[in-house]
Amino acid sequence: MNIYAMRAIYNFEMARTWRTLMQSIIAPVISTSLYFVVFGSAIGSRIKEVEGISYGAFIVPGLIMLSLLSQSIANASFGIYFPRFTGTIYELLSAPVSYLEIVVSYVGAAATKSILLGLIILATAGLFVPLQIMHPFWMVLFLVLTAVTFSLLGFIIGIWADSFEKLQLVPLLIVTPLTFLGGAFYSVDMLPPFWHGVTLFNPIVYLVSGFRWSFYELGDVDVGLSLGMTLLFLAVFLVIVGWIFRTGYRLKS
């Protein structure tokens, strides 16, 4: 395995984060804080508790997950799309670097940035409400698995997109709405039976539920099912990335 090449790609992507600190870290933290103020204050003044948890504390895992999903996709998609846009991707593909090393480098950097952002948002949320993490190991596990999984999705989008506008298509039109409808700001159990059943077809429900369980032992679905669905998404995206490199989809033309 070419450790030097992987380190070079990884460090380059991480350096881009520090060069664009306002866009990469500060802006998402401010946006999430505004979500917290609006939902926590405006709605929290009317909904005091959700299943014994104060509403302000209840939405913290959902807010972190919302930011984690969007930033994982954005970081990975831009990271691989920009070399395609400038044409430097062909230099990378012709270098003595395997496809696995390319994916690990780009996805690893994107996931690292997203995890760092998630931890910063977690620390920021602690300034607003008292937090309790009952299962730190599971919290970190869901955080890492989700970041890696959706960084892989972002990598796929970056390969598929043929314009900067398309990079935003999936996050804005699919992932963000599904996150809002996936129990990020409410418990799915609060819905009428019909809509409760419909919501269970939303894959984001399982991610948010598992992550929230690690905080309060409170979830909309069983934590084992949440972990299983997360691993399933990871496996699906790995298969798609493998197919992309095997066929050269949008890479050899």
C-alpha atoms as a PDB file:
ATOM      1  CA  MET A   1       0.000   0.000   0.000  1.00  0.00           C
ATOM      2  CA  ASN A   2       1.381   3.413  -1.016  1.00  0.00           C
ATOM      3  CA  ILE A   3       1.274   5.175   2.348  1.00  0.00           C
ATOM      4  CA  TYR A   4       3.108   8.237   1.058  1.00  0.00           C
ATOM      5  CA  ALA A   5       0.570   8.855  -1.716  1.00  0.00           C
ATOM      6  CA  MET A   6      -2.366   8.347   0.645  1.00  0.00           C
ATOM      7  CA  ARG A   7      -0.833  10.731   3.159  1.00  0.00           C
ATOM      8  CA  ALA A   8      -0.223  13.342   0.444  1.00  0.00           C
ATOM      9  CA  ILE A   9      -3.830  13.237  -0.792  1.00  0.00           C
ATOM     10  CA  TYR A  10      -5.195  13.202   2.757  1.00  0.00           C
ATOM     11  CA  ASN A  11      -3.030  16.126   3.892  1.00  0.00           C
ATOM     12  CA  PHE A  12      -3.909  18.118   0.764  1.00  0.00           C
ATOM     13  CA  GLU A  13      -7.635  17.710   1.418  1.00  0.00           C
ATOM     14  CA  MET A  14      -7.248  18.547   5.100  1.00  0.00           C
ATOM     15  CA  ALA A  15      -5.157  21.626   4.256  1.00  0.00           C
ATOM     16  CA  ARG A  16      -8.020  22.870   2.081  1.00  0.00           C
ATOM     17  CA  THR A  17     -10.195  22.865   5.199  1.00  0.00           C
ATOM     18  CA  TRP A  18      -7.844  25.177   7.076  1.00  0.00           C
ATOM     19  CA  ARG A  19      -7.574  27.473   4.035  1.00  0.00           C
ATOM     20  CA  THR A  20     -11.371  27.782   3.921  1.00  0.00           C
ATOM     21  CA  LEU A  21     -12.018  27.705   7.661  1.00  0.00           C
ATOM     22  CA  MET A  22     -15.009  30.060   7.488  1.00  0.00           C
ATOM     23  CA  GLN A  23     -16.799  27.937   4.897  1.00  0.00           C
ATOM     24  CA  SER A  24     -15.729  24.524   6.187  1.00  0.00           C
ATOM     25  CA  ILE A  25     -16.139  24.874   9.954  1.00  0.00           C
ATOM     26  CA  ILE A  26     -17.420  28.222  11.173  1.00  0.00           C
ATOM     27  CA  ALA A  27     -20.399  28.591   8.806  1.00  0.00           C
ATOM     28  CA  PRO A  28     -21.865  25.112   9.541  1.00  0.00           C
ATOM     29  CA  VAL A  29     -21.451  25.668  13.294  1.00  0.00           C
ATOM     30  CA  ILE A  30     -23.230  29.030  13.109  1.00  0.00           C
ATOM     31  CA  SER A  31     -26.017  27.560  10.954  1.00  0.00           C
ATOM     32  CA  THR A  32     -26.531  24.679  13.372  1.00  0.00           C
ATOM     33  CA  SER A  33     -26.520  27.079  16.328  1.00  0.00           C
ATOM     34  CA  LEU A  34     -29.276  29.081  14.630  1.00  0.00           C
ATOM     35  CA  TYR A  35     -31.274  25.887  14.142  1.00  0.00           C
ATOM     36  CA  PHE A  36     -30.781  25.175  17.813  1.00  0.00           C
ATOM     37  CA  VAL A  37     -31.886  28.669  18.878  1.00  0.00           C
ATOM     38  CA  VAL A  38     -34.963  28.644  16.620  1.00  0.00           C
ATOM     39  CA  PHE A  39     -36.128  25.094  17.289  1.00  0.00           C
ATOM     40  CA  GLY A  40     -34.926  24.931  20.871  1.00  0.00           C
ATOM     41  CA  SER A  41     -36.368  28.289  21.897  1.00  0.00           C
ATOM     42  CA  ALA A  42     -39.420  28.749  19.690  1.00  0.00           C
ATOM     43  CA  ILE A  43     -40.667  25.174  19.666  1.00  0.00           C
ATOM     44  CA  GLY A  44     -39.030  24.202  22.956  1.00  0.00           C
ATOM     45  CA  SER A  45     -41.092  26.843  24.757  1.00  0.00           C
ATOM     46  CA  ARG A  46     -44.199  24.910  23.694  1.00  0.00           C
ATOM     47  CA  ILE A  47     -42.839  21.357  23.861  1.00  0.00           C
ATOM     48  CA  LYS A  48     -41.154  21.026  27.225  1.00  0.00           C
ATOM     49  CA  GLU A  49     -40.187  17.357  27.010  1.00  0.00           C
ATOM     50  CA  VAL A  50     -40.132  14.448  24.576  1.00  0.00           C
ATOM     51  CA  GLU A  51     -40.325  11.100  26.374  1.00  0.00           C
ATOM     52  CA  GLY A  52     -38.794  12.577  29.506  1.00  0.00           C
ATOM     53  CA  ILE A  53     -35.998  14.477  27.731  1.00  0.00           C
ATOM     54  CA  SER A  54     -36.049  18.270  27.473  1.00  0.00           C
ATOM     55  CA  TYR A  55     -36.779  19.295  23.895  1.00  0.00           C
ATOM     56  CA  GLY A  56     -33.562  21.313  23.636  1.00  0.00           C
ATOM     57  CA  ALA A  57     -31.470  18.273  24.557  1.00  0.00           C
ATOM     58  CA  PHE A  58     -33.631  15.939  22.462  1.00  0.00           C
ATOM     59  CA  ILE A  59     -32.844  17.709  19.177  1.00  0.00           C
ATOM     60  CA  VAL A  60     -29.057  17.823  19.696  1.00  0.00           C
ATOM     61  CA  PRO A  61     -28.384  14.386  18.099  1.00  0.00           C
ATOM     62  CA  GLY A  62     -30.652  15.299  15.189  1.00  0.00           C
ATOM     63  CA  LEU A  63     -28.844  18.594  14.635  1.00  0.00           C
ATOM     64  CA  ILE A  64     -25.457  16.887  14.694  1.00  0.00           C
ATOM     65  CA  MET A  65     -26.684  14.237  12.268  1.00  0.00           C
ATOM     66  CA  LEU A  66     -28.134  16.873   9.921  1.00  0.00           C
ATOM     67  CA  SER A  67     -24.797  18.659   9.762  1.00  0.00           C
ATOM     68  CA  LEU A  68     -22.822  15.414   9.572  1.00  0.00           C
ATOM     69  CA  LEU A  69     -24.770  14.102   6.577  1.00  0.00           C
ATOM     70  CA  SER A  70     -24.661  17.318   4.582  1.00  0.00           C
ATOM     71  CA  GLN A  71     -21.013  18.090   5.283  1.00  0.00           C
ATOM     72  CA  SER A  72     -19.827  14.531   4.615  1.00  0.00           C
ATOM     73  CA  ILE A  73     -21.449  14.618   1.194  1.00  0.00           C
ATOM     74  CA  ALA A  74     -20.248  18.148   0.423  1.00  0.00           C
ATOM     75  CA  ASN A  75     -16.636  17.522   1.484  1.00  0.00           C
ATOM     76  CA  ALA A  76     -16.239  14.268  -0.442  1.00  0.00           C
ATOM     77  CA  SER A  77     -18.119  15.336  -3.569  1.00  0.00           C
ATOM     78  CA  PHE A  78     -16.158  18.563  -4.009  1.00  0.00           C
ATOM     79  CA  GLY A  79     -12.887  16.842  -3.135  1.00  0.00           C
ATOM     80  CA  ILE A  80     -13.120  14.389  -6.050  1.00  0.00           C
ATOM     81  CA  TYR A  81     -15.082  16.609  -8.461  1.00  0.00           C
ATOM     82  CA  PHE A  82     -12.549  19.441  -8.503  1.00  0.00           C
ATOM     83  CA  PRO A  83      -9.695  17.239  -9.850  1.00  0.00           C
ATOM     84  CA  ARG A  84     -12.114  16.037 -12.544  1.00  0.00           C
ATOM     85  CA  PHE A  85     -13.056  19.623 -13.342  1.00  0.00           C
ATOM     86  CA  THR A  86      -9.422  20.732 -13.679  1.00  0.00           C
ATOM     87  CA  GLY A  87      -8.269  17.530 -15.383  1.00  0.00           C
ATOM     88  CA  THR A  88      -5.725  16.607 -12.716  1.00  0.00           C
ATOM     89  CA  ILE A  89      -7.666  13.417 -11.972  1.00  0.00           C
ATOM     90  CA  TYR A  90      -5.918  11.756 -14.927  1.00  0.00           C
ATOM     91  CA  GLU A  91      -2.511  12.418 -13.392  1.00  0.00           C
ATOM     92  CA  LEU A  92      -3.762  10.735 -10.226  1.00  0.00           C
ATOM     93  CA  LEU A  93      -5.192   7.755 -12.118  1.00  0.00           C
ATOM     94  CA  SER A  94      -1.930   7.256 -14.004  1.00  0.00           C
ATOM     95  CA  ALA A  95       0.181   7.465 -10.847  1.00  0.00           C
ATOM     96  CA  PRO A  96       1.225   4.308  -8.940  1.00  0.00           C
ATOM     97  CA  VAL A  97      -1.765   4.657  -6.615  1.00  0.00           C
ATOM     98  CA  SER A  98      -4.470   2.001  -6.429  1.00  0.00           C
ATOM     99  CA  TYR A  99      -8.166   2.741  -6.555  1.00  0.00           C
ATOM    100  CA  LEU A 100      -8.479   1.620  -2.937  1.00  0.00           C
ATOM    101  CA  GLU A 101      -5.826   4.112  -1.859  1.00  0.00           C
ATOM    102  CA  ILE A 102      -7.570   6.929  -3.748  1.00  0.00           C
ATOM    103  CA  VAL A 103     -10.919   6.164  -2.106  1.00  0.00           C
ATOM    104  CA  VAL A 104      -9.431   5.775   1.379  1.00  0.00           C
ATOM    105  CA  SER A 105      -7.582   9.096   1.057  1.00  0.00           C
ATOM    106  CA  TYR A 106     -10.458  11.214  -0.213  1.00  0.00           C
ATOM    107  CA  VAL A 107     -13.174   9.564   1.864  1.00  0.00           C
ATOM    108  CA  GLY A 108     -10.947   9.495   4.944  1.00  0.00           C
ATOM    109  CA  ALA A 109     -10.257  13.221   4.691  1.00  0.00           C
ATOM    110  CA  ALA A 110     -13.942  14.046   4.136  1.00  0.00           C
ATOM    111  CA  ALA A 111     -15.008  11.854   7.054  1.00  0.00           C
ATOM    112  CA  THR A 112     -12.341  13.369   9.323  1.00  0.00           C
ATOM    113  CA  LYS A 113     -13.574  16.886   8.592  1.00  0.00           C
ATOM    114  CA  SER A 114     -17.186  15.875   9.203  1.00  0.00           C
ATOM    115  CA  ILE A 115     -16.381  14.121  12.484  1.00  0.00           C
ATOM    116  CA  LEU A 116     -14.404  17.149  13.659  1.00  0.00           C
ATOM    117  CA  LEU A 117     -17.337  19.383  12.788  1.00  0.00           C
ATOM    118  CA  GLY A 118     -19.767  17.062  14.583  1.00  0.00           C
ATOM    119  CA  LEU A 119     -17.669  17.161  17.752  1.00  0.00           C
ATOM    120  CA  ILE A 120     -17.465  20.973  17.596  1.00  0.00           C
ATOM    121  CA  ILE A 121     -21.250  21.177  17.238  1.00  0.00           C
ATOM    122  CA  LEU A 122     -21.626  18.767  20.171  1.00  0.00           C
ATOM    123  CA  ALA A 123     -19.409  20.999  22.318  1.00  0.00           C
ATOM    124  CA  THR A 124     -21.349  24.076  21.160  1.00  0.00           C
ATOM    125  CA  ALA A 125     -24.667  22.437  22.044  1.00  0.00           C
ATOM    126  CA  GLY A 126     -23.319  21.846  25.547  1.00  0.00           C
ATOM    127  CA  LEU A 127     -23.311  25.622  25.994  1.00  0.00           C
ATOM    128  CA  PHE A 128     -27.081  25.721  25.468  1.00  0.00           C
ATOM    129  CA  VAL A 129     -28.364  22.610  27.240  1.00  0.00           C
ATOM    130  CA  PRO A 130     -26.987  20.014  29.676  1.00  0.00           C
ATOM    131  CA  LEU A 131     -26.000  16.951  27.673  1.00  0.00           C
ATOM    132  CA  GLN A 132     -25.858  13.336  28.751  1.00  0.00           C
ATOM    133  CA  ILE A 133     -24.075  10.693  26.668  1.00  0.00           C
ATOM    134  CA  MET A 134     -24.988   7.355  28.186  1.00  0.00           C
ATOM    135  CA  HIS A 135     -23.041   5.262  25.651  1.00  0.00           C
ATOM    136  CA  PRO A 136     -19.954   7.185  24.433  1.00  0.00           C
ATOM    137  CA  PHE A 137     -18.593   4.197  22.501  1.00  0.00           C
ATOM    138  CA  TRP A 138     -21.794   3.801  20.509  1.00  0.00           C
ATOM    139  CA  MET A 139     -21.972   7.549  19.964  1.00  0.00           C
ATOM    140  CA  VAL A 140     -18.490   7.577  18.441  1.00  0.00           C
ATOM    141  CA  LEU A 141     -19.233   4.418  16.437  1.00  0.00           C
ATOM    142  CA  PHE A 142     -22.386   5.877  14.868  1.00  0.00           C
ATOM    143  CA  LEU A 143     -20.585   9.172  14.279  1.00  0.00           C
ATOM    144  CA  VAL A 144     -17.696   7.497  12.440  1.00  0.00           C
ATOM    145  CA  LEU A 145     -19.823   5.018  10.478  1.00  0.00           C
ATOM    146  CA  THR A 146     -22.233   7.722   9.346  1.00  0.00           C
ATOM    147  CA  ALA A 147     -19.427  10.081   8.339  1.00  0.00           C
ATOM    148  CA  VAL A 148     -17.652   7.370   6.330  1.00  0.00           C
ATOM    149  CA  THR A 149     -20.883   6.113   4.744  1.00  0.00           C
ATOM    150  CA  PHE A 150     -22.047   9.500   3.525  1.00  0.00           C
ATOM    151  CA  SER A 151     -18.552  10.525   2.511  1.00  0.00           C
ATOM    152  CA  LEU A 152     -18.693   7.517   0.196  1.00  0.00           C
ATOM    153  CA  LEU A 153     -22.037   8.793  -1.097  1.00  0.00           C
ATOM    154  CA  GLY A 154     -20.444  12.205  -1.641  1.00  0.00           C
ATOM    155  CA  PHE A 155     -17.567  10.538  -3.505  1.00  0.00           C
ATOM    156  CA  ILE A 156     -20.108   8.834  -5.783  1.00  0.00           C
ATOM    157  CA  ILE A 157     -21.918  12.133  -6.384  1.00  0.00           C
ATOM    158  CA  GLY A 158     -18.611  13.851  -7.172  1.00  0.00           C
ATOM    159  CA  ILE A 159     -17.901  11.220  -9.841  1.00  0.00           C
ATOM    160  CA  TRP A 160     -21.445  11.365 -11.236  1.00  0.00           C
ATOM    161  CA  ALA A 161     -21.832  15.156 -11.353  1.00  0.00           C
ATOM    162  CA  ASP A 162     -20.823  17.012 -14.488  1.00  0.00           C
ATOM    163  CA  SER A 163     -21.357  20.512 -13.057  1.00  0.00           C
ATOM    164  CA  PHE A 164     -21.047  22.303  -9.733  1.00  0.00           C
ATOM    165  CA  GLU A 165     -24.840  22.651  -9.636  1.00  0.00           C
ATOM    166  CA  LYS A 166     -25.298  18.869  -9.641  1.00  0.00           C
ATOM    167  CA  LEU A 167     -23.071  18.565  -6.579  1.00  0.00           C
ATOM    168  CA  GLN A 168     -25.862  20.231  -4.584  1.00  0.00           C
ATOM    169  CA  LEU A 169     -28.724  18.347  -6.198  1.00  0.00           C
ATOM    170  CA  VAL A 170     -28.795  15.229  -4.008  1.00  0.00           C
ATOM    171  CA  PRO A 171     -27.990  16.952  -0.662  1.00  0.00           C
ATOM    172  CA  LEU A 172     -30.553  19.739  -1.136  1.00  0.00           C
ATOM    173  CA  LEU A 173     -33.397  17.832  -2.778  1.00  0.00           C
ATOM    174  CA  ILE A 174     -33.063  14.416  -1.135  1.00  0.00           C
ATOM    175  CA  VAL A 175     -30.809  14.161   1.932  1.00  0.00           C
ATOM    176  CA  THR A 176     -31.824  17.365   3.758  1.00  0.00           C
ATOM    177  CA  PRO A 177     -35.612  16.830   3.363  1.00  0.00           C
ATOM    178  CA  LEU A 178     -35.266  13.185   4.427  1.00  0.00           C
ATOM    179  CA  THR A 179     -33.324  14.310   7.502  1.00  0.00           C
ATOM    180  CA  PHE A 180     -36.012  16.806   8.494  1.00  0.00           C
ATOM    181  CA  LEU A 181     -38.646  14.084   8.011  1.00  0.00           C
ATOM    182  CA  GLY A 182     -36.517  11.444   9.713  1.00  0.00           C
ATOM    183  CA  GLY A 183     -37.070  12.346  13.342  1.00  0.00           C
ATOM    184  CA  ALA A 184     -34.243  14.860  13.709  1.00  0.00           C
ATOM    185  CA  PHE A 185     -36.529  17.336  15.512  1.00  0.00           C
ATOM    186  CA  TYR A 186     -39.270  15.057  16.795  1.00  0.00           C
ATOM    187  CA  SER A 187     -39.937  11.477  17.801  1.00  0.00           C
ATOM    188  CA  VAL A 188     -41.434   9.304  15.085  1.00  0.00           C
ATOM    189  CA  ASP A 189     -43.660   7.788  17.776  1.00  0.00           C
ATOM    190  CA  MET A 190     -45.490  11.141  17.951  1.00  0.00           C
ATOM    191  CA  LEU A 191     -46.892  10.600  14.434  1.00  0.00           C
ATOM    192  CA  PRO A 192     -50.257   8.997  13.617  1.00  0.00           C
ATOM    193  CA  PRO A 193     -50.027   5.238  12.878  1.00  0.00           C
ATOM    194  CA  PHE A 194     -50.192   5.646   9.078  1.00  0.00           C
ATOM    195  CA  TRP A 195     -47.448   8.275   8.882  1.00  0.00           C
ATOM    196  CA  HIS A 196     -45.402   6.381  11.455  1.00  0.00           C
ATOM    197  CA  GLY A 197     -45.367   3.401   9.100  1.00  0.00           C
ATOM    198  CA  VAL A 198     -44.520   5.564   6.101  1.00  0.00           C
ATOM    199  CA  THR A 199     -41.655   7.254   7.964  1.00  0.00           C
ATOM    200  CA  LEU A 200     -40.013   3.900   8.654  1.00  0.00           C
ATOM    201  CA  PHE A 201     -39.216   3.709   4.922  1.00  0.00           C
ATOM    202  CA  ASN A 202     -37.019   6.790   5.374  1.00  0.00           C
ATOM    203  CA  PRO A 203     -33.434   5.495   5.788  1.00  0.00           C
ATOM    204  CA  ILE A 204     -32.380   8.571   7.783  1.00  0.00           C
ATOM    205  CA  VAL A 205     -34.724   7.506  10.604  1.00  0.00           C
ATOM    206  CA  TYR A 206     -32.409   4.622  11.461  1.00  0.00           C
ATOM    207  CA  LEU A 207     -29.302   6.814  11.532  1.00  0.00           C
ATOM    208  CA  VAL A 208     -30.862   9.484  13.736  1.00  0.00           C
ATOM    209  CA  SER A 209     -32.503   6.927  16.019  1.00  0.00           C
ATOM    210  CA  GLY A 210     -29.294   4.990  16.648  1.00  0.00           C
ATOM    211  CA  PHE A 211     -27.324   8.154  17.294  1.00  0.00           C
ATOM    212  CA  ARG A 212     -29.961   9.490  19.702  1.00  0.00           C
ATOM    213  CA  TRP A 213     -30.056   6.155  21.521  1.00  0.00           C
ATOM    214  CA  SER A 214     -26.353   6.516  22.316  1.00  0.00           C
ATOM    215  CA  PHE A 215     -27.193   9.746  24.159  1.00  0.00           C
ATOM    216  CA  TYR A 216     -30.388   8.912  26.045  1.00  0.00           C
ATOM    217  CA  GLU A 217     -31.147   5.199  25.441  1.00  0.00           C
ATOM    218  CA  LEU A 218     -34.120   6.531  23.510  1.00  0.00           C
ATOM    219  CA  GLY A 219     -34.746   5.568  19.903  1.00  0.00           C
ATOM    220  CA  ASP A 220     -37.563   5.229  17.392  1.00  0.00           C
ATOM    221  CA  VAL A 221     -36.282   1.806  16.289  1.00  0.00           C
ATOM    222  CA  ASP A 222     -34.107  -0.856  17.889  1.00  0.00           C
ATOM    223  CA  VAL A 223     -30.438   0.143  18.096  1.00  0.00           C
ATOM    224  CA  GLY A 224     -29.395  -3.145  16.509  1.00  0.00           C
ATOM    225  CA  LEU A 225     -31.577  -2.387  13.499  1.00  0.00           C
ATOM    226  CA  SER A 226     -30.087   1.109  13.308  1.00  0.00           C
ATOM    227  CA  LEU A 227     -26.557  -0.311  13.279  1.00  0.00           C
ATOM    228  CA  GLY A 228     -27.529  -2.935  10.713  1.00  0.00           C
ATOM    229  CA  MET A 229     -29.048  -0.349   8.365  1.00  0.00           C
ATOM    230  CA  THR A 230     -25.970   1.884   8.704  1.00  0.00           C
ATOM    231  CA  LEU A 231     -23.700  -1.019   7.772  1.00  0.00           C
ATOM    232  CA  LEU A 232     -26.028  -1.897   4.866  1.00  0.00           C
ATOM    233  CA  PHE A 233     -25.760   1.641   3.453  1.00  0.00           C
ATOM    234  CA  LEU A 234     -21.982   1.455   3.859  1.00  0.00           C
ATOM    235  CA  ALA A 235     -21.843  -1.847   1.964  1.00  0.00           C
ATOM    236  CA  VAL A 236     -24.076  -0.545  -0.856  1.00  0.00           C
ATOM    237  CA  PHE A 237     -21.961   2.568  -1.376  1.00  0.00           C
ATOM    238  CA  LEU A 238     -18.757   0.483  -1.309  1.00  0.00           C
ATOM    239  CA  VAL A 239     -20.169  -1.746  -4.050  1.00  0.00           C
ATOM    240  CA  ILE A 240     -21.087   1.300  -6.154  1.00  0.00           C
ATOM    241  CA  VAL A 241     -17.617   2.832  -5.737  1.00  0.00           C
ATOM    242  CA  GLY A 242     -16.073  -0.508  -6.701  1.00  0.00           C
ATOM    243  CA  TRP A 243     -18.227  -0.616  -9.831  1.00  0.00           C
ATOM    244  CA  ILE A 244     -17.215   2.946 -10.752  1.00  0.00           C
ATOM    245  CA  PHE A 245     -13.513   2.116 -10.723  1.00  0.00           C
ATOM    246  CA  ARG A 246     -14.004  -1.263 -12.369  1.00  0.00           C
ATOM    247  CA  THR A 247     -15.903   0.243 -15.308  1.00  0.00           C
ATOM    248  CA  GLY A 248     -14.180   3.629 -15.391  1.00  0.00           C
ATOM    249  CA  TYR A 249     -17.547   5.404 -15.213  1.00  0.00           C
ATOM    250  CA  ARG A 250     -16.951   9.128 -15.932  1.00  0.00           C
ATOM    251  CA  LEU A 251     -13.241   8.631 -15.281  1.00  0.00           C
ATOM    252  CA  LYS A 252     -11.917   7.344 -18.609  1.00  0.00           C
ATOM    253  CA  SER A 253     -13.624   9.875 -20.837  1.00  0.00           C
END
